[in-house]
Amino acid sequence: MEIKLAGFNIDIENISRLKKILNKYPEINEDDMDILKKIEWTPETISASYARISRDPRPINELREEASKEIKKARRSNHAIIFEMGHSSIAEHAVFNFDIIGISRLAAEYLEKSRLVSFTEKSQRYIKIGNDNLIPEEFKYDKDFFKEYKSLLEELFSSYEFIHDKLLPYFKSLHPDVDEGSRDYRDIINFAKEDARYILPLSTLTQIGMTVNARCLEKIIRKLLSSKICELNQLGIGLYKAVEGYAPSLVKYTDPNDFEKKGYDFLHDIITNEKIDKNNEVKLVHIDEEIEEKILAGFIVKNSGLSLLKAYESVKKINNKRKEEIFNEILKDINSFDPVQREFELSDIEFNIILSASCFAQMKRHRMATIIDGQYSPELGVKVPESIKVNKLSDYFLEKINKIDKLFKMAQIQYGSSADYILSNAHRKNIILKCNLRELVHISRLRLDKHAQWDIRNISVQMIDLVKPYLKFTGRILCGKDNFDKNFKKM
């Protein structure tokens, strides 16, 4: 694992000072050198100056100038305002960029649950994966188990190569007229990588570019250090060490605590042993049955002095034809890149979804939705790509899955949640996904598009099909980008 601080936001005045001095090169004098030596490259000065905006009448640029000249004072100010007075939002003005290299897909999944953080990850859809995997520290102390685990890893990566090489000519044969070197051809050869990866274990290594503010970073580090998984502890230590020297006044409460460590063994007596329903991938658990009336009431409140209840009463008196006319007017100028208005958030939609690790890797990126994910379980079965079935590789694929399941059950007793490293991208879990209609529009734009990966597209189609019967006037907004112009063709 390698954690590198790639960058952070700095006061632009420091850049101006540096440029001014460098423009004199090679005639830099001692005074210039003194200025260079005193420049502090840290985002703390921005946080410290912004913290004073609410209490100091001077222009912000003057506050920044003062903070950059007196870094010790700025750090004391940050500490007092953020940690003693409790104004934690000040730490959000400091933003860090990280290179996170050589962590497992399991660790990446944990990290990327953080809502107000930006991630870009190495894609197993577009990059051919080599035999790069994490050997968990937890597994190294039992020699017999460790030997069996390493043997299984070698078999799985070999299976990945075998499946990929079998699928590549198959996908090429489906599109014989596509020219090599074209974007369409690149998409075609990526299909083999996309489907072969379902046999890869969650210990497969990846890399991530992460952008995060100091407030969120502190919470992430604390959660990572509170985990029982060694790799997550190491990731937390690496992130802290990377910023420690640059922002000591912004990232402080990182020690693991009992709240973050909390387990839920006390729930075991109410967890039933009923047979798991693994056949229905998507269930609509709850939806506001008058979802469009609530949204329309929101528009009335926004454009009048009425309360929500009064606006809702007004909407109830409008006939369906008029409601349709109003929604058509609201949506008529929308483009494929426009989010719908915030009034569409006045809705509640809740799903239970059973999905593969490959699919969850994409679904979890919709962080404005509320996603509660359960545990991976062999009892929920696996997702087998259709291409593997068509090419009569199902028996081969499931033979490897059976070996995974057997070793996982052995490891689960001894290693708890660390046993998840053994499971594959095909293994499934239950999640609760709660969102509003505005977020569901965003999901549909990306995931119903023809370029979307088939697994998450299939899940999204089921989600949309369950919701559309409740939308008399706005169902057409739930579509992929490729169908947008067709759905919103001006009359």
Foldseek 3Di string as FASTA:
>chain_A
DAKAFPDKDFDCVLVVLVVVQCVPPPPRDPVSVVVVVLFAGFLLLLLLLVLCVVPDVDDSVVSSVVCRNPVVVSLVSLQCVCPVVPPLCSLQSMKTKMKFFWFFLVLVLVLLLQQPKDKDKDDLLQDPADLRFDQFPLQPPDVVLSVLLVVLSVVLRVQLVVQLVLLQVVLCVVPVPDDPPDPVVSNSSSVSSVQSQQSHFRRHTMIMIMMGGLSSLLVQLQLLCLDPGPSSPVVSVNSCVNCCVRRVSNRDNRHHDCVSNDDPPVCVVVDDPDQDDQPDFKDWPDKDLQLLLQLQLVVVVVVDVDDSVVSSVVSVPDDPVVSLVVVCVQCQPDALPDQRDPSQQSIKTKMKGKAFLSLSVPVSNLNVWDKDWDAFDCSSPFDRDVSCVVSVNVVVSVVSQVSLNVSLVVCCVPPNPVSSSSHGRGTITIMMIMGTVRSLLVLQQAQCDPSHDPRNVVVNVVVLVVCLVSDPRPSLSRHYNVCNCVSNPDD
